[in-house]
């Protein structure tokens, strides 16, 4: 990864966060909670994948339709996030696989 890649990544992240800041306040709060949750348990490709921008797209459409954020996702933010990442490999899955080997086989 070169310096240009890092600069471009920062530029894209800032543009993404500008879109989030343009959302209504309730949408911003829920997005930040979703982001926090996904960064803790989310899929391996979260930073490079399309999930976060797709959430912002979904929220922008909901805000344009004058819907409340909880009308879109329901009352349980974590359950909604779990539904989004269902079937995607997570860091927790990778860790679980690394420790679930048979006893005595580590390091061989």
PDB file of N, CA and C in Angstrom:
ATOM      1  N   UNK A   1       0.849  -1.168   0.000  1.00  0.00           N
ATOM      2  CA  UNK A   1       0.000   0.000   0.000  1.00  0.00           C
ATOM      3  C   UNK A   1       0.896   1.233   0.000  1.00  0.00           C
ATOM      4  N   UNK A   2       0.774   2.027  -1.025  1.00  0.00           N
ATOM      5  CA  UNK A   2       1.582   3.222  -1.157  1.00  0.00           C
ATOM      6  C   UNK A   2       0.933   4.422  -0.505  1.00  0.00           C
ATOM      7  N   UNK A   3       1.661   5.489  -0.476  1.00  0.00           N
ATOM      8  CA  UNK A   3       1.175   6.729   0.125  1.00  0.00           C
ATOM      9  C   UNK A   3      -0.053   7.256  -0.613  1.00  0.00           C
ATOM     10  N   UNK A   4      -0.084   7.086  -1.931  1.00  0.00           N
ATOM     11  CA  UNK A   4      -1.238   7.537  -2.714  1.00  0.00           C
ATOM     12  C   UNK A   4      -2.493   6.766  -2.323  1.00  0.00           C
ATOM     13  N   UNK A   5      -2.337   5.467  -2.049  1.00  0.00           N
ATOM     14  CA  UNK A   5      -3.481   4.656  -1.616  1.00  0.00           C
ATOM     15  C   UNK A   5      -4.010   5.142  -0.273  1.00  0.00           C
ATOM     16  N   UNK A   6      -3.115   5.490   0.621  1.00  0.00           N
ATOM     17  CA  UNK A   6      -3.514   5.984   1.938  1.00  0.00           C
ATOM     18  C   UNK A   6      -4.244   7.315   1.795  1.00  0.00           C
ATOM     19  N   UNK A   7      -3.701   8.199   0.975  1.00  0.00           N
ATOM     20  CA  UNK A   7      -4.332   9.502   0.764  1.00  0.00           C
ATOM     21  C   UNK A   7      -5.717   9.338   0.146  1.00  0.00           C
ATOM     22  N   UNK A   8      -5.833   8.466  -0.845  1.00  0.00           N
ATOM     23  CA  UNK A   8      -7.130   8.227  -1.491  1.00  0.00           C
ATOM     24  C   UNK A   8      -8.127   7.620  -0.510  1.00  0.00           C
ATOM     25  N   UNK A   9      -7.656   6.701   0.323  1.00  0.00           N
ATOM     26  CA  UNK A   9      -8.525   6.107   1.335  1.00  0.00           C
ATOM     27  C   UNK A   9      -9.048   7.151   2.306  1.00  0.00           C
ATOM     28  N   UNK A  10      -8.187   8.055   2.733  1.00  0.00           N
ATOM     29  CA  UNK A  10      -8.619   9.128   3.631  1.00  0.00           C
ATOM     30  C   UNK A  10      -9.623  10.051   2.943  1.00  0.00           C
ATOM     31  N   UNK A  11      -9.376  10.339   1.681  1.00  0.00           N
ATOM     32  CA  UNK A  11     -10.286  11.205   0.923  1.00  0.00           C
ATOM     33  C   UNK A  11     -11.674  10.554   0.837  1.00  0.00           C
ATOM     34  N   UNK A  12     -11.697   9.262   0.541  1.00  0.00           N
ATOM     35  CA  UNK A  12     -12.973   8.552   0.445  1.00  0.00           C
ATOM     36  C   UNK A  12     -13.679   8.507   1.791  1.00  0.00           C
ATOM     37  N   UNK A  13     -12.922   8.293   2.865  1.00  0.00           N
ATOM     38  CA  UNK A  13     -13.518   8.230   4.205  1.00  0.00           C
ATOM     39  C   UNK A  13     -14.117   9.585   4.584  1.00  0.00           C
ATOM     40  N   UNK A  14     -13.408  10.661   4.288  1.00  0.00           N
ATOM     41  CA  UNK A  14     -13.921  12.003   4.604  1.00  0.00           C
ATOM     42  C   UNK A  14     -15.193  12.296   3.815  1.00  0.00           C
ATOM     43  N   UNK A  15     -15.232  11.897   2.554  1.00  0.00           N
ATOM     44  CA  UNK A  15     -16.441  12.092   1.746  1.00  0.00           C
ATOM     45  C   UNK A  15     -17.593  11.279   2.318  1.00  0.00           C
ATOM     46  N   UNK A  16     -17.292  10.065   2.762  1.00  0.00           N
ATOM     47  CA  UNK A  16     -18.306   9.204   3.366  1.00  0.00           C
ATOM     48  C   UNK A  16     -18.861   9.854   4.630  1.00  0.00           C
ATOM     49  N   UNK A  17     -17.980  10.343   5.485  1.00  0.00           N
ATOM     50  CA  UNK A  17     -18.420  10.960   6.738  1.00  0.00           C
ATOM     51  C   UNK A  17     -19.165  12.271   6.484  1.00  0.00           C
ATOM     52  N   UNK A  18     -18.852  12.978   5.414  1.00  0.00           N
ATOM     53  CA  UNK A  18     -19.604  14.179   5.061  1.00  0.00           C
ATOM     54  C   UNK A  18     -21.047  13.814   4.706  1.00  0.00           C
ATOM     55  N   UNK A  19     -21.225  12.689   4.034  1.00  0.00           N
ATOM     56  CA  UNK A  19     -22.578  12.205   3.731  1.00  0.00           C
ATOM     57  C   UNK A  19     -23.332  11.876   5.010  1.00  0.00           C
ATOM     58  N   UNK A  20     -22.633  11.262   5.969  1.00  0.00           N
ATOM     59  CA  UNK A  20     -23.268  10.926   7.252  1.00  0.00           C
ATOM     60  C   UNK A  20     -23.692  12.203   7.976  1.00  0.00           C
ATOM     61  N   UNK A  21     -22.832  13.202   7.980  1.00  0.00           N
ATOM     62  CA  UNK A  21     -23.140  14.459   8.669  1.00  0.00           C
ATOM     63  C   UNK A  21     -24.287  15.212   8.015  1.00  0.00           C
ATOM     64  N   UNK A  22     -24.589  14.928   6.764  1.00  0.00           N
ATOM     65  CA  UNK A  22     -25.701  15.566   6.071  1.00  0.00           C
ATOM     66  C   UNK A  22     -27.049  14.914   6.411  1.00  0.00           C
ATOM     67  N   UNK A  23     -27.018  13.766   7.081  1.00  0.00           N
ATOM     68  CA  UNK A  23     -28.243  13.076   7.466  1.00  0.00           C
ATOM     69  C   UNK A  23     -28.907  13.803   8.634  1.00  0.00           C
ATOM     70  N   UNK A  24     -30.214  13.577   8.845  1.00  0.00           N
ATOM     71  CA  UNK A  24     -30.876  14.132  10.027  1.00  0.00           C
ATOM     72  C   UNK A  24     -30.215  13.602  11.315  1.00  0.00           C
ATOM     73  N   UNK A  25     -30.333  14.338  12.414  1.00  0.00           N
ATOM     74  CA  UNK A  25     -29.640  13.958  13.656  1.00  0.00           C
ATOM     75  C   UNK A  25     -29.942  12.538  14.152  1.00  0.00           C
ATOM     76  N   UNK A  26     -31.206  12.095  14.068  1.00  0.00           N
ATOM     77  CA  UNK A  26     -31.514  10.745  14.547  1.00  0.00           C
ATOM     78  C   UNK A  26     -30.843   9.680  13.688  1.00  0.00           C
ATOM     79  N   UNK A  27     -30.740   9.926  12.401  1.00  0.00           N
ATOM     80  CA  UNK A  27     -30.049   9.001  11.513  1.00  0.00           C
ATOM     81  C   UNK A  27     -28.549   8.960  11.839  1.00  0.00           C
ATOM     82  N   UNK A  28     -27.981  10.122  12.137  1.00  0.00           N
ATOM     83  CA  UNK A  28     -26.556  10.178  12.480  1.00  0.00           C
ATOM     84  C   UNK A  28     -26.258   9.369  13.737  1.00  0.00           C
ATOM     85  N   UNK A  29     -27.114   9.497  14.739  1.00  0.00           N
ATOM     86  CA  UNK A  29     -26.917   8.771  15.990  1.00  0.00           C
ATOM     87  C   UNK A  29     -26.960   7.271  15.735  1.00  0.00           C
ATOM     88  N   UNK A  30     -27.958   6.815  15.000  1.00  0.00           N
ATOM     89  CA  UNK A  30     -28.091   5.381  14.730  1.00  0.00           C
ATOM     90  C   UNK A  30     -26.939   4.893  13.863  1.00  0.00           C
ATOM     91  N   UNK A  31     -26.531   5.694  12.873  1.00  0.00           N
ATOM     92  CA  UNK A  31     -25.410   5.285  12.028  1.00  0.00           C
ATOM     93  C   UNK A  31     -24.152   5.102  12.870  1.00  0.00           C
ATOM     94  N   UNK A  32     -23.881   6.029  13.759  1.00  0.00           N
ATOM     95  CA  UNK A  32     -22.677   5.935  14.588  1.00  0.00           C
ATOM     96  C   UNK A  32     -22.720   4.709  15.501  1.00  0.00           C
ATOM     97  N   UNK A  33     -23.905   4.381  16.006  1.00  0.00           N
ATOM     98  CA  UNK A  33     -24.040   3.163  16.819  1.00  0.00           C
ATOM     99  C   UNK A  33     -23.817   1.914  15.963  1.00  0.00           C
ATOM    100  N   UNK A  34     -24.350   1.920  14.757  1.00  0.00           N
ATOM    101  CA  UNK A  34     -24.152   0.793  13.854  1.00  0.00           C
ATOM    102  C   UNK A  34     -22.674   0.659  13.496  1.00  0.00           C
ATOM    103  N   UNK A  35     -22.046   1.774  13.212  1.00  0.00           N
ATOM    104  CA  UNK A  35     -20.631   1.769  12.860  1.00  0.00           C
ATOM    105  C   UNK A  35     -19.800   1.219  14.017  1.00  0.00           C
ATOM    106  N   UNK A  36     -20.081   1.668  15.229  1.00  0.00           N
ATOM    107  CA  UNK A  36     -19.357   1.185  16.403  1.00  0.00           C
ATOM    108  C   UNK A  36     -19.535  -0.328  16.557  1.00  0.00           C
ATOM    109  N   UNK A  37     -20.768  -0.789  16.400  1.00  0.00           N
ATOM    110  CA  UNK A  37     -21.053  -2.218  16.533  1.00  0.00           C
ATOM    111  C   UNK A  37     -20.333  -3.017  15.441  1.00  0.00           C
ATOM    112  N   UNK A  38     -20.421  -2.541  14.211  1.00  0.00           N
ATOM    113  CA  UNK A  38     -19.811  -3.276  13.101  1.00  0.00           C
ATOM    114  C   UNK A  38     -18.287  -3.297  13.198  1.00  0.00           C
ATOM    115  N   UNK A  39     -17.677  -2.225  13.695  1.00  0.00           N
ATOM    116  CA  UNK A  39     -16.229  -2.225  13.859  1.00  0.00           C
ATOM    117  C   UNK A  39     -15.791  -3.221  14.927  1.00  0.00           C
ATOM    118  N   UNK A  40     -16.665  -3.500  15.891  1.00  0.00           N
ATOM    119  CA  UNK A  40     -16.327  -4.486  16.931  1.00  0.00           C
ATOM    120  C   UNK A  40     -16.481  -5.914  16.434  1.00  0.00           C
ATOM    121  N   UNK A  41     -17.576  -6.211  15.757  1.00  0.00           N
ATOM    122  CA  UNK A  41     -17.867  -7.599  15.398  1.00  0.00           C
ATOM    123  C   UNK A  41     -17.995  -7.835  13.907  1.00  0.00           C
ATOM    124  N   UNK A  42     -17.839  -6.800  13.139  1.00  0.00           N
ATOM    125  CA  UNK A  42     -18.179  -6.830  11.732  1.00  0.00           C
ATOM    126  C   UNK A  42     -17.340  -7.723  10.861  1.00  0.00           C
ATOM    127  N   UNK A  43     -17.704  -7.731   9.596  1.00  0.00           N
ATOM    128  CA  UNK A  43     -17.035  -8.586   8.632  1.00  0.00           C
ATOM    129  C   UNK A  43     -15.597  -8.143   8.385  1.00  0.00           C
ATOM    130  N   UNK A  44     -14.801  -9.081   7.926  1.00  0.00           N
ATOM    131  CA  UNK A  44     -13.386  -8.841   7.671  1.00  0.00           C
ATOM    132  C   UNK A  44     -13.196  -7.729   6.646  1.00  0.00           C
ATOM    133  N   UNK A  45     -14.055  -7.658   5.649  1.00  0.00           N
ATOM    134  CA  UNK A  45     -13.896  -6.666   4.587  1.00  0.00           C
ATOM    135  C   UNK A  45     -14.681  -5.377   4.836  1.00  0.00           C
ATOM    136  N   UNK A  46     -14.962  -5.050   6.086  1.00  0.00           N
ATOM    137  CA  UNK A  46     -15.773  -3.878   6.400  1.00  0.00           C
ATOM    138  C   UNK A  46     -15.144  -2.589   5.894  1.00  0.00           C
ATOM    139  N   UNK A  47     -13.868  -2.401   6.124  1.00  0.00           N
ATOM    140  CA  UNK A  47     -13.216  -1.148   5.732  1.00  0.00           C
ATOM    141  C   UNK A  47     -13.161  -0.970   4.221  1.00  0.00           C
ATOM    142  N   UNK A  48     -12.971  -2.052   3.484  1.00  0.00           N
ATOM    143  CA  UNK A  48     -12.844  -1.965   2.026  1.00  0.00           C
ATOM    144  C   UNK A  48     -14.137  -2.290   1.286  1.00  0.00           C
ATOM    145  N   UNK A  49     -15.089  -2.857   1.980  1.00  0.00           N
ATOM    146  CA  UNK A  49     -16.305  -3.322   1.327  1.00  0.00           C
ATOM    147  C   UNK A  49     -17.361  -2.243   1.181  1.00  0.00           C
ATOM    148  N   UNK A  50     -18.466  -2.605   0.590  1.00  0.00           N
ATOM    149  CA  UNK A  50     -19.514  -1.635   0.291  1.00  0.00           C
ATOM    150  C   UNK A  50     -20.559  -1.453   1.401  1.00  0.00           C
ATOM    151  N   UNK A  51     -20.413  -2.148   2.531  1.00  0.00           N
ATOM    152  CA  UNK A  51     -21.472  -2.151   3.535  1.00  0.00           C
ATOM    153  C   UNK A  51     -21.769  -0.764   4.096  1.00  0.00           C
ATOM    154  N   UNK A  52     -20.774  -0.047   4.569  1.00  0.00           N
ATOM    155  CA  UNK A  52     -21.025   1.261   5.174  1.00  0.00           C
ATOM    156  C   UNK A  52     -21.609   2.266   4.178  1.00  0.00           C
ATOM    157  N   UNK A  53     -21.054   2.370   2.967  1.00  0.00           N
ATOM    158  CA  UNK A  53     -21.702   3.279   1.997  1.00  0.00           C
ATOM    159  C   UNK A  53     -23.139   2.866   1.645  1.00  0.00           C
ATOM    160  N   UNK A  54     -23.408   1.573   1.624  1.00  0.00           N
ATOM    161  CA  UNK A  54     -24.766   1.118   1.332  1.00  0.00           C
ATOM    162  C   UNK A  54     -25.722   1.494   2.454  1.00  0.00           C
ATOM    163  N   UNK A  55     -25.245   1.462   3.690  1.00  0.00           N
ATOM    164  CA  UNK A  55     -26.083   1.887   4.812  1.00  0.00           C
ATOM    165  C   UNK A  55     -26.419   3.374   4.666  1.00  0.00           C
ATOM    166  N   UNK A  56     -25.435   4.180   4.298  1.00  0.00           N
ATOM    167  CA  UNK A  56     -25.684   5.607   4.109  1.00  0.00           C
ATOM    168  C   UNK A  56     -26.678   5.820   2.961  1.00  0.00           C
ATOM    169  N   UNK A  57     -26.538   5.078   1.870  1.00  0.00           N
ATOM    170  CA  UNK A  57     -27.502   5.165   0.762  1.00  0.00           C
ATOM    171  C   UNK A  57     -28.913   4.871   1.262  1.00  0.00           C
ATOM    172  N   UNK A  58     -29.048   3.800   2.036  1.00  0.00           N
ATOM    173  CA  UNK A  58     -30.336   3.375   2.593  1.00  0.00           C
ATOM    174  C   UNK A  58     -30.912   4.464   3.490  1.00  0.00           C
ATOM    175  N   UNK A  59     -30.058   5.053   4.328  1.00  0.00           N
ATOM    176  CA  UNK A  59     -30.513   6.109   5.224  1.00  0.00           C
ATOM    177  C   UNK A  59     -30.895   7.376   4.453  1.00  0.00           C
ATOM    178  N   UNK A  60     -30.143   7.718   3.406  1.00  0.00           N
ATOM    179  CA  UNK A  60     -30.486   8.892   2.608  1.00  0.00           C
ATOM    180  C   UNK A  60     -31.849   8.713   1.942  1.00  0.00           C
ATOM    181  N   UNK A  61     -32.131   7.513   1.459  1.00  0.00           N
ATOM    182  CA  UNK A  61     -33.436   7.239   0.852  1.00  0.00           C
ATOM    183  C   UNK A  61     -34.549   7.343   1.886  1.00  0.00           C
ATOM    184  N   UNK A  62     -34.304   6.801   3.083  1.00  0.00           N
ATOM    185  CA  UNK A  62     -35.296   6.878   4.154  1.00  0.00           C
ATOM    186  C   UNK A  62     -35.562   8.302   4.590  1.00  0.00           C
ATOM    187  N   UNK A  63     -34.502   9.087   4.703  1.00  0.00           N
ATOM    188  CA  UNK A  63     -34.659  10.491   5.093  1.00  0.00           C
ATOM    189  C   UNK A  63     -35.407  11.275   4.012  1.00  0.00           C
ATOM    190  N   UNK A  64     -35.130  10.988   2.751  1.00  0.00           N
ATOM    191  CA  UNK A  64     -35.817  11.656   1.647  1.00  0.00           C
ATOM    192  C   UNK A  64     -37.304  11.320   1.632  1.00  0.00           C
ATOM    193  N   UNK A  65     -37.642  10.118   2.102  1.00  0.00           N
ATOM    194  CA  UNK A  65     -39.040   9.697   2.156  1.00  0.00           C
ATOM    195  C   UNK A  65     -39.705  10.122   3.465  1.00  0.00           C
ATOM    196  N   UNK A  66     -38.992  10.913   4.276  1.00  0.00           N
ATOM    197  CA  UNK A  66     -39.502  11.432   5.565  1.00  0.00           C
ATOM    198  C   UNK A  66     -39.875  10.320   6.539  1.00  0.00           C
ATOM    199  N   UNK A  67     -39.119   9.247   6.507  1.00  0.00           N
ATOM    200  CA  UNK A  67     -39.335   8.156   7.456  1.00  0.00           C
ATOM    201  C   UNK A  67     -38.368   8.300   8.614  1.00  0.00           C
ATOM    202  N   UNK A  68     -38.800   7.878   9.785  1.00  0.00           N
ATOM    203  CA  UNK A  68     -37.918   7.847  10.939  1.00  0.00           C
ATOM    204  C   UNK A  68     -36.940   6.699  10.787  1.00  0.00           C
ATOM    205  N   UNK A  69     -35.776   6.845  11.375  1.00  0.00           N
ATOM    206  CA  UNK A  69     -34.747   5.818  11.222  1.00  0.00           C
ATOM    207  C   UNK A  69     -35.196   4.483  11.830  1.00  0.00           C
ATOM    208  N   UNK A  70     -35.938   4.533  12.936  1.00  0.00           N
ATOM    209  CA  UNK A  70     -36.389   3.285  13.550  1.00  0.00           C
ATOM    210  C   UNK A  70     -37.491   2.609  12.735  1.00  0.00           C
ATOM    211  N   UNK A  71     -38.179   3.369  11.888  1.00  0.00           N
ATOM    212  CA  UNK A  71     -39.127   2.751  10.955  1.00  0.00           C
ATOM    213  C   UNK A  71     -38.386   1.886   9.944  1.00  0.00           C
ATOM    214  N   UNK A  72     -37.163   2.288   9.602  1.00  0.00           N
ATOM    215  CA  UNK A  72     -36.377   1.557   8.610  1.00  0.00           C
ATOM    216  C   UNK A  72     -35.716   0.315   9.196  1.00  0.00           C
ATOM    217  N   UNK A  73     -35.132   0.457  10.383  1.00  0.00           N
ATOM    218  CA  UNK A  73     -34.309  -0.642  10.897  1.00  0.00           C
ATOM    219  C   UNK A  73     -34.928  -1.388  12.065  1.00  0.00           C
ATOM    220  N   UNK A  74     -35.949  -0.837  12.696  1.00  0.00           N
ATOM    221  CA  UNK A  74     -36.544  -1.465  13.863  1.00  0.00           C
ATOM    222  C   UNK A  74     -35.885  -0.947  15.135  1.00  0.00           C
ATOM    223  N   UNK A  75     -36.300  -1.498  16.268  1.00  0.00           N
ATOM    224  CA  UNK A  75     -35.824  -1.017  17.562  1.00  0.00           C
ATOM    225  C   UNK A  75     -34.465  -1.574  17.964  1.00  0.00           C
ATOM    226  N   UNK A  76     -34.065  -2.701  17.395  1.00  0.00           N
ATOM    227  CA  UNK A  76     -32.821  -3.365  17.804  1.00  0.00           C
ATOM    228  C   UNK A  76     -31.739  -3.158  16.745  1.00  0.00           C
ATOM    229  N   UNK A  77     -30.858  -2.201  17.009  1.00  0.00           N
ATOM    230  CA  UNK A  77     -29.802  -1.862  16.062  1.00  0.00           C
ATOM    231  C   UNK A  77     -28.857  -3.045  15.855  1.00  0.00           C
ATOM    232  N   UNK A  78     -28.497  -3.724  16.936  1.00  0.00           N
ATOM    233  CA  UNK A  78     -27.568  -4.850  16.834  1.00  0.00           C
ATOM    234  C   UNK A  78     -28.162  -5.980  15.991  1.00  0.00           C
ATOM    235  N   UNK A  79     -29.430  -6.268  16.172  1.00  0.00           N
ATOM    236  CA  UNK A  79     -30.073  -7.322  15.383  1.00  0.00           C
ATOM    237  C   UNK A  79     -30.095  -6.946  13.900  1.00  0.00           C
ATOM    238  N   UNK A  80     -30.343  -5.681  13.605  1.00  0.00           N
ATOM    239  CA  UNK A  80     -30.321  -5.229  12.216  1.00  0.00           C
ATOM    240  C   UNK A  80     -28.929  -5.414  11.622  1.00  0.00           C
ATOM    241  N   UNK A  81     -27.900  -5.032  12.378  1.00  0.00           N
ATOM    242  CA  UNK A  81     -26.513  -5.186  11.916  1.00  0.00           C
ATOM    243  C   UNK A  81     -26.164  -6.657  11.718  1.00  0.00           C
ATOM    244  N   UNK A  82     -26.604  -7.500  12.652  1.00  0.00           N
ATOM    245  CA  UNK A  82     -26.342  -8.934  12.513  1.00  0.00           C
ATOM    246  C   UNK A  82     -26.967  -9.479  11.234  1.00  0.00           C
ATOM    247  N   UNK A  83     -28.139  -8.988  10.893  1.00  0.00           N
ATOM    248  CA  UNK A  83     -28.773  -9.409   9.646  1.00  0.00           C
ATOM    249  C   UNK A  83     -27.991  -8.968   8.419  1.00  0.00           C
ATOM    250  N   UNK A  84     -27.361  -7.804   8.513  1.00  0.00           N
ATOM    251  CA  UNK A  84     -26.569  -7.308   7.382  1.00  0.00           C
ATOM    252  C   UNK A  84     -25.313  -8.138   7.145  1.00  0.00           C
ATOM    253  N   UNK A  85     -24.697  -8.613   8.223  1.00  0.00           N
ATOM    254  CA  UNK A  85     -23.424  -9.323   8.076  1.00  0.00           C
ATOM    255  C   UNK A  85     -23.579 -10.834   8.137  1.00  0.00           C
ATOM    256  N   UNK A  86     -24.815 -11.296   8.172  1.00  0.00           N
ATOM    257  CA  UNK A  86     -25.064 -12.737   8.235  1.00  0.00           C
ATOM    258  C   UNK A  86     -24.423 -13.435   7.036  1.00  0.00           C
ATOM    259  N   UNK A  87     -23.643 -14.441   7.309  1.00  0.00           N
ATOM    260  CA  UNK A  87     -22.990 -15.198   6.254  1.00  0.00           C
ATOM    261  C   UNK A  87     -21.628 -14.657   5.850  1.00  0.00           C
ATOM    262  N   UNK A  88     -21.267 -13.482   6.345  1.00  0.00           N
ATOM    263  CA  UNK A  88     -19.950 -12.909   6.042  1.00  0.00           C
ATOM    264  C   UNK A  88     -18.963 -13.338   7.115  1.00  0.00           C
ATOM    265  N   UNK A  89     -17.741 -13.672   6.731  1.00  0.00           N
ATOM    266  CA  UNK A  89     -16.755 -14.040   7.754  1.00  0.00           C
ATOM    267  C   UNK A  89     -16.399 -12.827   8.605  1.00  0.00           C
ATOM    268  N   UNK A  90     -16.367 -13.025   9.909  1.00  0.00           N
ATOM    269  CA  UNK A  90     -16.028 -11.955  10.833  1.00  0.00           C
ATOM    270  C   UNK A  90     -14.716 -12.277  11.530  1.00  0.00           C
ATOM    271  N   UNK A  91     -14.152 -11.260  12.169  1.00  0.00           N
ATOM    272  CA  UNK A  91     -12.935 -11.486  12.934  1.00  0.00           C
ATOM    273  C   UNK A  91     -13.183 -12.472  14.067  1.00  0.00           C
ATOM    274  N   UNK A  92     -14.383 -12.451  14.643  1.00  0.00           N
ATOM    275  CA  UNK A  92     -14.726 -13.404  15.689  1.00  0.00           C
ATOM    276  C   UNK A  92     -14.722 -14.838  15.147  1.00  0.00           C
ATOM    277  N   UNK A  93     -15.215 -15.025  13.930  1.00  0.00           N
ATOM    278  CA  UNK A  93     -15.202 -16.354  13.308  1.00  0.00           C
ATOM    279  C   UNK A  93     -13.774 -16.840  13.092  1.00  0.00           C
ATOM    280  N   UNK A  94     -12.922 -15.953  12.603  1.00  0.00           N
ATOM    281  CA  UNK A  94     -11.525 -16.325  12.360  1.00  0.00           C
ATOM    282  C   UNK A  94     -10.844 -16.700  13.663  1.00  0.00           C
ATOM    283  N   UNK A  95     -11.087 -15.917  14.703  1.00  0.00           N
ATOM    284  CA  UNK A  95     -10.499 -16.218  16.007  1.00  0.00           C
ATOM    285  C   UNK A  95     -11.020 -17.558  16.536  1.00  0.00           C
ATOM    286  N   UNK A  96     -12.318 -17.780  16.416  1.00  0.00           N
ATOM    287  CA  UNK A  96     -12.911 -19.023  16.892  1.00  0.00           C
ATOM    288  C   UNK A  96     -12.309 -20.222  16.171  1.00  0.00           C
ATOM    289  N   UNK A  97     -12.100 -20.106  14.865  1.00  0.00           N
ATOM    290  CA  UNK A  97     -11.485 -21.194  14.107  1.00  0.00           C
ATOM    291  C   UNK A  97     -10.048 -21.428  14.547  1.00  0.00           C
ATOM    292  N   UNK A  98      -9.340 -20.355  14.882  1.00  0.00           N
ATOM    293  CA  UNK A  98      -7.936 -20.503  15.269  1.00  0.00           C
ATOM    294  C   UNK A  98      -7.780 -21.199  16.613  1.00  0.00           C
ATOM    295  N   UNK A  99      -8.768 -21.066  17.495  1.00  0.00           N
ATOM    296  CA  UNK A  99      -8.645 -21.705  18.811  1.00  0.00           C
ATOM    297  C   UNK A  99      -9.389 -23.021  18.900  1.00  0.00           C
ATOM    298  N   UNK A 100     -10.146 -23.376  17.873  1.00  0.00           N
ATOM    299  CA  UNK A 100     -10.946 -24.598  17.949  1.00  0.00           C
ATOM    300  C   UNK A 100     -10.210 -25.840  17.420  1.00  0.00           C
ATOM    301  N   UNK A 101      -8.924 -25.708  17.153  1.00  0.00           N
ATOM    302  CA  UNK A 101      -8.150 -26.856  16.705  1.00  0.00           C
ATOM    303  C   UNK A 101      -8.085 -27.926  17.787  1.00  0.00           C
ATOM    304  N   UNK A 102      -7.689 -29.113  17.413  1.00  0.00           N
ATOM    305  CA  UNK A 102      -7.599 -30.196  18.377  1.00  0.00           C
ATOM    306  C   UNK A 102      -6.467 -29.932  19.360  1.00  0.00           C
ATOM    307  N   UNK A 103      -6.638 -30.327  20.613  1.00  0.00           N
ATOM    308  CA  UNK A 103      -5.585 -30.107  21.607  1.00  0.00           C
ATOM    309  C   UNK A 103      -4.285 -30.774  21.181  1.00  0.00           C
ATOM    310  N   UNK A 104      -3.188 -30.072  21.410  1.00  0.00           N
ATOM    311  CA  UNK A 104      -1.887 -30.630  21.093  1.00  0.00           C
ATOM    312  C   UNK A 104      -1.455 -30.426  19.659  1.00  0.00           C
ATOM    313  N   UNK A 105      -2.291 -29.795  18.822  1.00  0.00           N
ATOM    314  CA  UNK A 105      -1.916 -29.604  17.421  1.00  0.00           C
ATOM    315  C   UNK A 105      -1.419 -28.191  17.155  1.00  0.00           C
ATOM    316  N   UNK A 106      -1.495 -27.327  18.124  1.00  0.00           N
ATOM    317  CA  UNK A 106      -1.040 -25.950  17.934  1.00  0.00           C
ATOM    318  C   UNK A 106       0.465 -25.933  17.704  1.00  0.00           C
ATOM    319  N   UNK A 107       0.890 -25.130  16.766  1.00  0.00           N
ATOM    320  CA  UNK A 107       2.315 -24.975  16.504  1.00  0.00           C
ATOM    321  C   UNK A 107       2.918 -26.066  15.649  1.00  0.00           C
ATOM    322  N   UNK A 108       2.132 -26.998  15.177  1.00  0.00           N
ATOM    323  CA  UNK A 108       2.680 -28.071  14.324  1.00  0.00           C
ATOM    324  C   UNK A 108       2.498 -27.740  12.886  1.00  0.00           C
TER     325      UNK A 108
END
